[in-house]
N, C-alpha and C. Protein backbone atom coordinates (compact mmCIF):
# COMPACT_ATOMS: atom_id res chain seq x y z
N UNK A 1 154.03 109.62 77.81
CA UNK A 1 153.42 109.71 76.50
C UNK A 1 153.02 111.16 76.25
N UNK A 2 153.39 111.69 75.10
CA UNK A 2 153.07 113.08 74.80
C UNK A 2 151.68 113.18 74.18
N UNK A 3 151.19 114.41 74.09
CA UNK A 3 149.86 114.64 73.51
C UNK A 3 149.87 114.36 72.01
N UNK A 4 151.03 114.24 71.42
CA UNK A 4 151.13 114.04 69.97
C UNK A 4 151.34 112.58 69.60
N UNK A 5 151.15 111.66 70.53
CA UNK A 5 151.33 110.24 70.26
C UNK A 5 149.98 109.57 70.07
N UNK A 6 149.89 108.75 69.04
CA UNK A 6 148.67 107.98 68.78
C UNK A 6 148.96 106.51 69.08
N UNK A 7 148.13 105.93 69.89
CA UNK A 7 148.25 104.49 70.16
C UNK A 7 146.85 103.89 70.23
N UNK A 8 146.80 102.59 70.20
CA UNK A 8 145.55 101.87 70.40
C UNK A 8 144.44 102.29 69.46
N UNK A 9 143.28 102.54 70.05
CA UNK A 9 142.06 102.86 69.29
C UNK A 9 142.22 104.14 68.47
N UNK A 10 142.86 105.16 69.04
CA UNK A 10 143.04 106.43 68.32
C UNK A 10 143.87 106.22 67.05
N UNK A 11 144.90 105.41 67.15
CA UNK A 11 145.76 105.11 66.00
C UNK A 11 144.97 104.36 64.93
N UNK A 12 144.21 103.35 65.35
CA UNK A 12 143.43 102.54 64.41
C UNK A 12 142.38 103.39 63.69
N UNK A 13 141.68 104.23 64.43
CA UNK A 13 140.66 105.09 63.83
C UNK A 13 141.28 106.06 62.83
N UNK A 14 142.43 106.62 63.19
CA UNK A 14 143.10 107.56 62.29
C UNK A 14 143.60 106.85 61.03
N UNK A 15 144.13 105.65 61.20
CA UNK A 15 144.56 104.86 60.03
C UNK A 15 143.40 104.65 59.07
N UNK A 16 142.25 104.22 59.60
CA UNK A 16 141.10 103.96 58.74
C UNK A 16 140.53 105.23 58.13
N UNK A 17 140.57 106.33 58.86
CA UNK A 17 140.12 107.60 58.29
C UNK A 17 141.02 108.00 57.12
N UNK A 18 142.33 107.90 57.31
CA UNK A 18 143.26 108.22 56.24
C UNK A 18 143.06 107.34 55.03
N UNK A 19 142.88 106.05 55.26
CA UNK A 19 142.65 105.11 54.16
C UNK A 19 141.37 105.44 53.41
N UNK A 20 140.31 105.75 54.13
CA UNK A 20 139.03 106.08 53.50
C UNK A 20 139.16 107.35 52.66
N UNK A 21 139.84 108.35 53.19
CA UNK A 21 140.04 109.59 52.43
C UNK A 21 140.85 109.31 51.17
N UNK A 22 141.86 108.48 51.26
CA UNK A 22 142.66 108.12 50.08
C UNK A 22 141.78 107.42 49.04
N UNK A 23 140.95 106.49 49.47
CA UNK A 23 140.09 105.74 48.54
C UNK A 23 139.10 106.68 47.86
N UNK A 24 138.46 107.56 48.62
CA UNK A 24 137.48 108.49 48.03
C UNK A 24 138.17 109.42 47.03
N UNK A 25 139.31 109.96 47.41
CA UNK A 25 140.04 110.88 46.52
C UNK A 25 140.52 110.17 45.26
N UNK A 26 141.09 108.99 45.43
CA UNK A 26 141.58 108.24 44.26
C UNK A 26 140.43 107.84 43.34
N UNK A 27 139.30 107.44 43.92
CA UNK A 27 138.14 107.07 43.10
C UNK A 27 137.64 108.27 42.30
N UNK A 28 137.61 109.44 42.94
CA UNK A 28 137.21 110.67 42.25
C UNK A 28 138.14 110.94 41.07
N UNK A 29 139.44 110.88 41.34
CA UNK A 29 140.41 111.17 40.29
C UNK A 29 140.34 110.15 39.15
N UNK A 30 140.22 108.89 39.48
CA UNK A 30 140.15 107.86 38.44
C UNK A 30 138.88 108.00 37.59
N UNK A 31 137.75 108.23 38.26
CA UNK A 31 136.49 108.39 37.52
C UNK A 31 136.58 109.56 36.55
N UNK A 32 137.04 110.71 37.04
CA UNK A 32 137.08 111.88 36.17
C UNK A 32 138.25 111.86 35.20
N UNK A 33 139.28 111.08 35.48
CA UNK A 33 140.33 110.89 34.49
C UNK A 33 139.76 110.19 33.26
N UNK A 34 139.01 109.13 33.50
CA UNK A 34 138.41 108.38 32.39
C UNK A 34 137.43 109.25 31.61
N UNK A 35 136.62 110.03 32.32
CA UNK A 35 135.60 110.83 31.63
C UNK A 35 136.14 112.13 31.06
N UNK A 36 137.39 112.49 31.37
CA UNK A 36 137.95 113.77 30.91
C UNK A 36 139.07 113.61 29.90
N UNK A 37 139.42 112.39 29.55
CA UNK A 37 140.55 112.17 28.64
C UNK A 37 140.40 112.91 27.31
N UNK A 38 139.18 113.03 26.82
CA UNK A 38 138.97 113.72 25.54
C UNK A 38 139.34 115.20 25.60
N UNK A 39 139.38 115.78 26.80
CA UNK A 39 139.66 117.20 26.93
C UNK A 39 141.14 117.52 27.13
N UNK A 40 141.96 116.51 27.38
CA UNK A 40 143.39 116.76 27.64
C UNK A 40 144.05 117.52 26.50
N UNK A 41 143.82 117.18 25.23
CA UNK A 41 144.43 117.98 24.16
C UNK A 41 143.99 119.45 24.19
N UNK A 42 142.74 119.69 24.60
CA UNK A 42 142.27 121.08 24.70
C UNK A 42 143.02 121.82 25.80
N UNK A 43 143.29 121.14 26.92
CA UNK A 43 144.04 121.77 28.01
C UNK A 43 145.44 122.13 27.54
N UNK A 44 146.05 121.23 26.80
CA UNK A 44 147.42 121.45 26.32
C UNK A 44 147.48 122.56 25.28
N UNK A 45 146.39 122.79 24.55
CA UNK A 45 146.39 123.80 23.49
C UNK A 45 146.06 125.19 24.01
N UNK A 46 145.74 125.33 25.30
CA UNK A 46 145.46 126.65 25.86
C UNK A 46 143.99 126.99 25.94
N UNK A 47 143.11 126.04 25.74
CA UNK A 47 141.67 126.32 25.77
C UNK A 47 141.21 126.82 27.13
N UNK A 48 141.94 126.49 28.19
CA UNK A 48 141.55 126.95 29.53
C UNK A 48 141.78 128.44 29.72
N UNK A 49 142.55 129.05 28.83
CA UNK A 49 142.85 130.48 28.95
C UNK A 49 141.79 131.36 28.32
N UNK A 50 140.85 130.75 27.61
CA UNK A 50 139.81 131.55 26.95
C UNK A 50 138.87 132.15 27.99
N UNK A 51 138.60 133.42 27.82
CA UNK A 51 137.72 134.13 28.77
C UNK A 51 136.27 133.72 28.54
N UNK A 52 135.54 133.66 29.63
CA UNK A 52 134.11 133.37 29.58
C UNK A 52 133.38 134.59 30.12
N UNK A 53 132.38 135.03 29.41
CA UNK A 53 131.61 136.20 29.84
C UNK A 53 130.90 135.90 31.16
N UNK A 54 130.76 136.93 31.97
CA UNK A 54 130.06 136.79 33.24
C UNK A 54 128.63 136.34 32.97
N UNK A 55 128.20 135.33 33.69
CA UNK A 55 126.86 134.81 33.53
C UNK A 55 126.74 133.70 32.51
N UNK A 56 127.79 133.49 31.73
CA UNK A 56 127.79 132.42 30.74
C UNK A 56 128.34 131.14 31.37
N UNK A 57 127.84 129.98 30.99
CA UNK A 57 128.41 128.74 31.52
C UNK A 57 129.82 128.53 30.98
N UNK A 58 130.69 127.96 31.79
CA UNK A 58 132.06 127.74 31.32
C UNK A 58 132.09 126.66 30.24
N UNK A 59 133.09 126.71 29.38
CA UNK A 59 133.23 125.67 28.36
C UNK A 59 133.43 124.30 29.01
N UNK A 60 133.08 123.25 28.28
CA UNK A 60 133.17 121.88 28.80
C UNK A 60 134.59 121.52 29.22
N UNK A 61 135.60 122.01 28.49
CA UNK A 61 136.97 121.66 28.86
C UNK A 61 137.37 122.27 30.21
N UNK A 62 136.81 123.43 30.55
CA UNK A 62 137.07 124.01 31.87
C UNK A 62 136.39 123.18 32.96
N UNK A 63 135.15 122.78 32.71
CA UNK A 63 134.44 121.95 33.68
C UNK A 63 135.18 120.64 33.93
N UNK A 64 135.68 120.03 32.86
CA UNK A 64 136.43 118.77 33.00
C UNK A 64 137.71 118.99 33.79
N UNK A 65 138.38 120.11 33.55
CA UNK A 65 139.61 120.42 34.29
C UNK A 65 139.33 120.55 35.79
N UNK A 66 138.28 121.28 36.14
CA UNK A 66 137.98 121.50 37.55
C UNK A 66 137.36 120.29 38.24
N UNK A 67 136.90 119.31 37.48
CA UNK A 67 136.46 118.06 38.08
C UNK A 67 137.63 117.10 38.31
N UNK A 68 138.75 117.36 37.63
CA UNK A 68 139.90 116.45 37.74
C UNK A 68 141.06 117.16 38.43
N UNK A 69 141.94 117.77 37.68
CA UNK A 69 143.15 118.36 38.26
C UNK A 69 142.88 119.57 39.14
N UNK A 70 141.86 120.34 38.80
CA UNK A 70 141.55 121.54 39.57
C UNK A 70 140.64 121.30 40.75
N UNK A 71 140.32 120.05 41.04
CA UNK A 71 139.42 119.74 42.15
C UNK A 71 140.19 119.65 43.46
N UNK A 72 139.46 119.46 44.55
CA UNK A 72 140.09 119.28 45.85
C UNK A 72 140.55 117.84 46.06
N UNK A 73 140.35 116.98 45.07
CA UNK A 73 140.71 115.57 45.22
C UNK A 73 142.22 115.38 45.38
N UNK A 74 143.01 116.19 44.69
CA UNK A 74 144.47 116.05 44.78
C UNK A 74 144.97 116.43 46.18
N UNK A 75 144.65 117.63 46.70
CA UNK A 75 145.12 117.93 48.06
C UNK A 75 144.47 117.03 49.12
N UNK A 76 143.24 116.61 48.89
CA UNK A 76 142.60 115.71 49.86
C UNK A 76 143.28 114.35 49.87
N UNK A 77 143.74 113.89 48.71
CA UNK A 77 144.52 112.65 48.65
C UNK A 77 145.78 112.79 49.50
N UNK A 78 146.43 113.94 49.41
CA UNK A 78 147.62 114.17 50.23
C UNK A 78 147.29 114.19 51.72
N UNK A 79 146.17 114.77 52.09
CA UNK A 79 145.75 114.77 53.50
C UNK A 79 145.52 113.34 53.97
N UNK A 80 144.85 112.54 53.16
CA UNK A 80 144.61 111.15 53.51
C UNK A 80 145.91 110.37 53.68
N UNK A 81 146.84 110.58 52.75
CA UNK A 81 148.14 109.90 52.85
C UNK A 81 148.91 110.37 54.08
N UNK A 82 148.81 111.65 54.39
CA UNK A 82 149.49 112.19 55.57
C UNK A 82 148.90 111.60 56.86
N UNK A 83 147.58 111.51 56.92
CA UNK A 83 146.92 110.90 58.09
C UNK A 83 147.35 109.44 58.24
N UNK A 84 147.33 108.72 57.14
CA UNK A 84 147.68 107.31 57.13
C UNK A 84 149.12 107.12 57.62
N UNK A 85 150.03 107.90 57.07
CA UNK A 85 151.45 107.77 57.45
C UNK A 85 151.69 108.20 58.89
N UNK A 86 151.10 109.30 59.29
CA UNK A 86 151.32 109.76 60.66
C UNK A 86 150.77 108.77 61.68
N UNK A 87 149.61 108.18 61.38
CA UNK A 87 149.05 107.18 62.29
C UNK A 87 149.92 105.93 62.33
N UNK A 88 150.45 105.55 61.18
CA UNK A 88 151.33 104.38 61.15
C UNK A 88 152.59 104.61 62.00
N UNK A 89 153.00 105.88 62.11
CA UNK A 89 154.16 106.24 62.93
C UNK A 89 153.76 106.65 64.35
N UNK A 90 152.48 106.48 64.67
CA UNK A 90 151.93 106.82 65.98
C UNK A 90 152.07 108.30 66.32
N UNK A 91 151.96 109.15 65.30
CA UNK A 91 152.03 110.60 65.48
C UNK A 91 150.68 111.22 65.13
N UNK A 92 150.18 112.05 66.01
CA UNK A 92 148.91 112.73 65.76
C UNK A 92 149.16 114.03 64.98
N UNK A 93 148.22 114.35 64.11
CA UNK A 93 148.27 115.64 63.43
C UNK A 93 147.54 116.66 64.29
N UNK A 94 147.78 117.94 64.07
CA UNK A 94 147.08 118.96 64.86
C UNK A 94 145.56 118.86 64.72
N UNK A 95 144.87 119.30 65.74
CA UNK A 95 143.41 119.24 65.76
C UNK A 95 142.75 119.97 64.62
N UNK A 96 143.37 121.03 64.13
CA UNK A 96 142.73 121.79 63.06
C UNK A 96 142.59 120.95 61.79
N UNK A 97 143.41 119.93 61.61
CA UNK A 97 143.24 119.04 60.45
C UNK A 97 141.91 118.30 60.58
N UNK A 98 141.67 117.72 61.75
CA UNK A 98 140.42 117.00 61.99
C UNK A 98 139.22 117.92 61.77
N UNK A 99 139.24 119.08 62.41
CA UNK A 99 138.06 119.95 62.39
C UNK A 99 137.85 120.60 61.02
N UNK A 100 138.91 120.89 60.29
CA UNK A 100 138.76 121.45 58.95
C UNK A 100 138.17 120.41 58.00
N UNK A 101 138.72 119.20 58.01
CA UNK A 101 138.19 118.13 57.16
C UNK A 101 136.74 117.84 57.55
N UNK A 102 136.45 117.79 58.84
CA UNK A 102 135.09 117.48 59.30
C UNK A 102 134.10 118.57 58.87
N UNK A 103 134.43 119.81 59.11
CA UNK A 103 133.52 120.90 58.74
C UNK A 103 133.30 120.99 57.25
N UNK A 104 134.39 120.89 56.49
CA UNK A 104 134.29 120.98 55.03
C UNK A 104 133.49 119.82 54.47
N UNK A 105 133.77 118.60 54.91
CA UNK A 105 133.07 117.44 54.35
C UNK A 105 131.59 117.45 54.74
N UNK A 106 131.27 117.88 55.96
CA UNK A 106 129.87 117.94 56.37
C UNK A 106 129.11 118.97 55.54
N UNK A 107 129.68 120.15 55.38
CA UNK A 107 129.03 121.19 54.57
C UNK A 107 128.82 120.70 53.14
N UNK A 108 129.85 120.10 52.55
CA UNK A 108 129.73 119.61 51.18
C UNK A 108 128.72 118.48 51.07
N UNK A 109 128.67 117.60 52.08
CA UNK A 109 127.70 116.50 52.05
C UNK A 109 126.27 117.03 52.15
N UNK A 110 126.07 118.11 52.90
CA UNK A 110 124.73 118.71 52.99
C UNK A 110 124.32 119.34 51.67
N UNK A 111 125.28 119.94 50.97
CA UNK A 111 125.00 120.60 49.70
C UNK A 111 124.88 119.59 48.56
N UNK A 112 125.74 118.58 48.57
CA UNK A 112 125.80 117.60 47.48
C UNK A 112 125.83 116.18 48.05
N UNK A 113 124.69 115.68 48.53
CA UNK A 113 124.70 114.35 49.17
C UNK A 113 124.94 113.19 48.20
N UNK A 114 124.61 113.37 46.93
CA UNK A 114 124.82 112.29 45.95
C UNK A 114 126.24 112.39 45.40
N UNK A 115 127.21 112.12 46.28
CA UNK A 115 128.62 112.26 45.92
C UNK A 115 129.44 111.42 46.89
N UNK A 116 130.74 111.63 46.88
CA UNK A 116 131.62 110.96 47.83
C UNK A 116 131.70 111.66 49.16
N UNK A 117 131.07 112.83 49.29
CA UNK A 117 131.18 113.59 50.53
C UNK A 117 130.64 112.86 51.76
N UNK A 118 129.53 112.13 51.66
CA UNK A 118 129.10 111.38 52.86
C UNK A 118 130.15 110.40 53.37
N UNK A 119 130.93 109.81 52.46
CA UNK A 119 132.03 108.93 52.90
C UNK A 119 133.11 109.72 53.63
N UNK A 120 133.31 110.96 53.21
CA UNK A 120 134.28 111.81 53.90
C UNK A 120 133.76 112.21 55.28
N UNK A 121 132.44 112.31 55.42
CA UNK A 121 131.86 112.57 56.75
C UNK A 121 132.16 111.37 57.66
N UNK A 122 132.05 110.17 57.11
CA UNK A 122 132.39 108.97 57.90
C UNK A 122 133.85 109.04 58.34
N UNK A 123 134.75 109.40 57.42
CA UNK A 123 136.17 109.54 57.78
C UNK A 123 136.35 110.61 58.84
N UNK A 124 135.59 111.69 58.75
CA UNK A 124 135.67 112.77 59.73
C UNK A 124 135.21 112.30 61.11
N UNK A 125 134.16 111.51 61.14
CA UNK A 125 133.69 110.95 62.41
C UNK A 125 134.79 110.08 63.02
N UNK A 126 135.46 109.29 62.20
CA UNK A 126 136.57 108.47 62.70
C UNK A 126 137.67 109.35 63.30
N UNK A 127 137.96 110.47 62.63
CA UNK A 127 139.00 111.38 63.14
C UNK A 127 138.57 112.02 64.46
N UNK A 128 137.32 112.41 64.57
CA UNK A 128 136.83 113.01 65.82
C UNK A 128 136.88 111.97 66.94
N UNK A 129 136.44 110.75 66.65
CA UNK A 129 136.51 109.68 67.66
C UNK A 129 137.96 109.40 68.06
N UNK A 130 138.87 109.46 67.09
CA UNK A 130 140.29 109.25 67.40
C UNK A 130 140.82 110.34 68.32
N UNK A 131 140.40 111.57 68.09
CA UNK A 131 140.84 112.68 68.96
C UNK A 131 140.33 112.47 70.37
N UNK A 132 139.09 111.99 70.47
CA UNK A 132 138.52 111.76 71.81
C UNK A 132 139.20 110.58 72.51
N UNK A 133 139.65 109.59 71.73
CA UNK A 133 140.29 108.41 72.31
C UNK A 133 141.76 108.63 72.64
N UNK A 134 142.37 109.63 72.02
CA UNK A 134 143.79 109.89 72.24
C UNK A 134 144.02 110.47 73.63
N UNK A 135 145.12 110.12 74.26
CA UNK A 135 145.42 110.67 75.58
C UNK A 135 145.75 112.17 75.48
N UNK A 136 145.23 112.93 76.43
CA UNK A 136 145.51 114.36 76.53
C UNK A 136 145.99 114.63 77.94
N UNK A 137 147.24 115.06 78.13
CA UNK A 137 147.79 115.21 79.48
C UNK A 137 146.94 116.07 80.41
N UNK A 138 146.45 117.19 79.96
CA UNK A 138 145.65 118.06 80.82
C UNK A 138 144.32 117.43 81.20
N UNK A 139 143.66 116.84 80.24
CA UNK A 139 142.36 116.22 80.46
C UNK A 139 142.49 114.96 81.30
N UNK A 140 143.46 114.12 80.97
CA UNK A 140 143.61 112.84 81.65
C UNK A 140 144.15 113.01 83.08
N UNK A 141 144.90 114.06 83.35
CA UNK A 141 145.42 114.29 84.69
C UNK A 141 144.31 114.68 85.68
N UNK A 142 143.24 115.29 85.13
CA UNK A 142 142.13 115.74 85.99
C UNK A 142 141.23 114.57 86.39
N UNK A 143 141.35 113.43 85.75
CA UNK A 143 140.48 112.28 86.03
C UNK A 143 140.89 111.53 87.25
C-alpha cells in the first residue's frame, strides 16, 4: 500500500470532509445568488468597472459580486469535490491541501464566527484525523 492510498477510516473521514465542504460552499453560493439577483444587470452593464475612491465604501453591486462569484466559495466548492472524488477513488491529496484548508478556515472562523467557517473547521478536523489515520510507510515501519 502506498502513502497515497486512502482506505478505511481515513477514506471515510476524507469523504465526509469533502461532502461538508461542498455543502457549505453550495449553501453560500445559493444564499448569495438569491440575495444578489438584483445586481446581475449592473454587473453586465459594467458597473463593476467604476472606480471607488480610497477610503470610500464600495458600491453595493461590487459587494454583491464579491459575496457571490468573487468569493472563495467557487474554488472551495472545487476543493470539496476534489476531496470527495479522490477519497471515493481511495487516493489521498497532498498534505498541503489539508493544512491550507485547516489554517485558512480556522483563521476565518476566529475572525468571523457567525458564518459557515466553523463548519469548515469541522471539515478540517476530519481531514487532519484522516491524515493521522492513513498509513505512512516511514511512520508505520518504525512501530
